[in-house]
Structures are given as structure tokens and as C-alpha cells.
C-alpha atoms as a PDB file:
ATOM      1  CA  UNK A   1      -6.633   9.554   3.760  1.00  0.00           C
ATOM      2  CA  UNK A   2      -4.124   8.754   6.588  1.00  0.00           C
ATOM      3  CA  UNK A   3      -1.140   6.527   5.986  1.00  0.00           C
ATOM      4  CA  UNK A   4      -0.613   4.148   8.640  1.00  0.00           C
ATOM      5  CA  UNK A   5       3.107   2.741   8.996  1.00  0.00           C
ATOM      6  CA  UNK A   6       4.522  -0.143  10.201  1.00  0.00           C
ATOM      7  CA  UNK A   7       7.666  -2.387   9.896  1.00  0.00           C
ATOM      8  CA  UNK A   8       7.972  -6.075   8.883  1.00  0.00           C
ATOM      9  CA  UNK A   9      11.355  -7.881   8.261  1.00  0.00           C
ATOM     10  CA  UNK A  10      13.529  -4.971   7.823  1.00  0.00           C
ATOM     11  CA  UNK A  11      11.176  -3.116   5.534  1.00  0.00           C
ATOM     12  CA  UNK A  12       8.876  -0.009   6.187  1.00  0.00           C
ATOM     13  CA  UNK A  13       5.441  -0.593   4.899  1.00  0.00           C
ATOM     14  CA  UNK A  14       3.044   2.352   4.387  1.00  0.00           C
ATOM     15  CA  UNK A  15      -0.663   1.351   3.770  1.00  0.00           C
ATOM     16  CA  UNK A  16      -2.320   3.570   1.151  1.00  0.00           C
ATOM     17  CA  UNK A  17      -6.294   3.602   1.120  1.00  0.00           C
ATOM     18  CA  UNK A  18      -8.180   5.977  -1.058  1.00  0.00           C
ATOM     19  CA  UNK A  19     -11.610   6.309  -2.609  1.00  0.00           C
ATOM     20  CA  UNK A  20     -12.368   4.295  -5.627  1.00  0.00           C
ATOM     21  CA  UNK A  21     -13.824   7.289  -7.490  1.00  0.00           C
ATOM     22  CA  UNK A  22     -12.271  10.778  -7.150  1.00  0.00           C
ATOM     23  CA  UNK A  23     -14.084  13.508  -5.327  1.00  0.00           C
ATOM     24  CA  UNK A  24     -15.521  16.074  -7.701  1.00  0.00           C
ATOM     25  CA  UNK A  25     -14.728  19.800  -6.853  1.00  0.00           C
ATOM     26  CA  UNK A  26     -17.331  21.359  -4.539  1.00  0.00           C
ATOM     27  CA  UNK A  27     -18.648  18.026  -3.313  1.00  0.00           C
ATOM     28  CA  UNK A  28     -17.812  16.155  -0.035  1.00  0.00           C
ATOM     29  CA  UNK A  29     -15.887  12.807  -0.022  1.00  0.00           C
ATOM     30  CA  UNK A  30     -17.182  10.122  -2.371  1.00  0.00           C
ATOM     31  CA  UNK A  31     -16.945   6.735  -0.264  1.00  0.00           C
ATOM     32  CA  UNK A  32     -20.236   5.310  -1.389  1.00  0.00           C
ATOM     33  CA  UNK A  33     -18.244   3.531  -4.384  1.00  0.00           C
ATOM     34  CA  UNK A  34     -15.713   1.916  -1.932  1.00  0.00           C
ATOM     35  CA  UNK A  35     -12.022   2.015  -1.601  1.00  0.00           C
ATOM     36  CA  UNK A  36      -8.752   1.056  -3.556  1.00  0.00           C
ATOM     37  CA  UNK A  37      -5.654   0.079  -1.750  1.00  0.00           C
ATOM     38  CA  UNK A  38      -1.763   0.174  -2.469  1.00  0.00           C
ATOM     39  CA  UNK A  39       1.273  -0.415  -0.359  1.00  0.00           C
ATOM     40  CA  UNK A  40       4.541   1.501  -0.457  1.00  0.00           C
ATOM     41  CA  UNK A  41       7.388  -0.792   0.676  1.00  0.00           C
ATOM     42  CA  UNK A  42      10.908   0.679   1.300  1.00  0.00           C
ATOM     43  CA  UNK A  43      13.981  -0.521   3.008  1.00  0.00           C
ATOM     44  CA  UNK A  44      14.581   0.367   6.549  1.00  0.00           C
ATOM     45  CA  UNK A  45      17.897   1.590   6.877  1.00  0.00           C
ATOM     46  CA  UNK A  46      18.708   4.474   9.348  1.00  0.00           C
ATOM     47  CA  UNK A  47      22.123   4.757   8.037  1.00  0.00           C
ATOM     48  CA  UNK A  48      20.989   5.960   4.789  1.00  0.00           C
ATOM     49  CA  UNK A  49      19.317   9.448   4.073  1.00  0.00           C
ATOM     50  CA  UNK A  50      17.718   8.255   1.050  1.00  0.00           C
ATOM     51  CA  UNK A  51      15.743   5.032   1.209  1.00  0.00           C
ATOM     52  CA  UNK A  52      14.457   3.130  -1.904  1.00  0.00           C
ATOM     53  CA  UNK A  53      10.670   2.303  -2.217  1.00  0.00           C
ATOM     54  CA  UNK A  54       8.147   0.809  -4.445  1.00  0.00           C
ATOM     55  CA  UNK A  55       4.624   1.151  -4.686  1.00  0.00           C
ATOM     56  CA  UNK A  56       2.375  -1.980  -5.304  1.00  0.00           C
ATOM     57  CA  UNK A  57      -1.446  -1.706  -6.033  1.00  0.00           C
ATOM     58  CA  UNK A  58      -3.268  -4.545  -4.062  1.00  0.00           C
ATOM     59  CA  UNK A  59      -4.854  -6.731  -6.984  1.00  0.00           C
ATOM     60  CA  UNK A  60      -8.584  -6.993  -6.400  1.00  0.00           C
ATOM     61  CA  UNK A  61     -11.321  -7.392  -8.818  1.00  0.00           C
ATOM     62  CA  UNK A  62     -13.601  -4.643  -7.146  1.00  0.00           C
ATOM     63  CA  UNK A  63     -13.206  -1.903  -4.704  1.00  0.00           C
ATOM     64  CA  UNK A  64     -13.196  -2.784  -1.012  1.00  0.00           C
ATOM     65  CA  UNK A  65     -16.398  -1.635   0.907  1.00  0.00           C
ATOM     66  CA  UNK A  66     -14.677   0.001   3.792  1.00  0.00           C
ATOM     67  CA  UNK A  67     -11.328   1.543   4.619  1.00  0.00           C
ATOM     68  CA  UNK A  68     -10.826  -1.193   7.283  1.00  0.00           C
ATOM     69  CA  UNK A  69     -10.952  -3.797   4.896  1.00  0.00           C
ATOM     70  CA  UNK A  70      -8.705  -2.024   2.480  1.00  0.00           C
ATOM     71  CA  UNK A  71      -6.047  -1.654   5.286  1.00  0.00           C
ATOM     72  CA  UNK A  72      -6.055  -5.197   6.454  1.00  0.00           C
ATOM     73  CA  UNK A  73      -5.536  -6.393   2.764  1.00  0.00           C
ATOM     74  CA  UNK A  74      -2.835  -3.977   2.272  1.00  0.00           C
ATOM     75  CA  UNK A  75      -0.935  -5.464   5.185  1.00  0.00           C
ATOM     76  CA  UNK A  76      -1.322  -9.019   4.244  1.00  0.00           C
ATOM     77  CA  UNK A  77      -0.343  -8.168   0.664  1.00  0.00           C
ATOM     78  CA  UNK A  78       2.741  -6.391   1.722  1.00  0.00           C
ATOM     79  CA  UNK A  79       3.866  -9.324   3.938  1.00  0.00           C
ATOM     80  CA  UNK A  80       3.390 -11.606   1.121  1.00  0.00           C
ATOM     81  CA  UNK A  81       5.438  -9.529  -1.257  1.00  0.00           C
ATOM     82  CA  UNK A  82       8.072  -9.308   1.351  1.00  0.00           C
ATOM     83  CA  UNK A  83       8.270 -13.034   2.297  1.00  0.00           C
ATOM     84  CA  UNK A  84       8.744 -13.563  -1.643  1.00  0.00           C
ATOM     85  CA  UNK A  85       5.377 -14.790  -2.760  1.00  0.00           C
ATOM     86  CA  UNK A  86       3.878 -13.125  -5.858  1.00  0.00           C
ATOM     87  CA  UNK A  87       7.220 -11.575  -7.011  1.00  0.00           C
ATOM     88  CA  UNK A  88      10.783 -12.547  -8.436  1.00  0.00           C
ATOM     89  CA  UNK A  89      13.919 -11.232  -6.981  1.00  0.00           C
ATOM     90  CA  UNK A  90      14.333  -8.593  -9.624  1.00  0.00           C
ATOM     91  CA  UNK A  91      11.418  -6.590  -8.093  1.00  0.00           C
ATOM     92  CA  UNK A  92      13.813  -5.841  -5.113  1.00  0.00           C
ATOM     93  CA  UNK A  93      16.768  -4.774  -6.988  1.00  0.00           C
ATOM     94  CA  UNK A  94      16.735  -1.180  -5.958  1.00  0.00           C
ATOM     95  CA  UNK A  95      19.101   0.194  -8.578  1.00  0.00           C
END
């Protein structure tokens, strides 16, 4: 799936949306069982060739019904993580 990119408060956010159930070899995409979502958050730093990043799975009890819902949930979840809700400071220790 495509990986939309955006920036928020000095971080790069990549929205990762993928089918809940993997596609079997020889079959078309399996979107009927919904979608799972994760976000990759990295430091925005043009001065550094290598940037540090972390991937966080969006915590939900069941798959998203469609890709649009999953992308919106990713964006909200990433902003909450960056704003400091749901994580302690050690999560952002990049070393």
C-alpha cells in the first residue's frame, strides 16, 4: 500500500496501512477482512544523513473497515504520541 507522509512538530510521520490478512500466493488482494495500521515516526533533521525512527502499531481491538479510517487513525495516533500522550520520554531516546 502507499505510504502517505506528513510532518508534525519537527517529526516526519509515515502512515502504514496494510491488509489485516496477508494475500495468498496467486490470489488478488485480501481487503475483505479489513486493515491494520502502524506509524513510523522519525526525527526531521535535514543536517543529518541518517535519521532515527520508531514504528508504533495503532492499538485497536479489531481491524479497520477501510483504508481511509486506518489512515485517519494513524495520523491522530502519531500526533498523540508526539505530543507526549501515551508514552514516556525514554521512548524518544534515539540512542
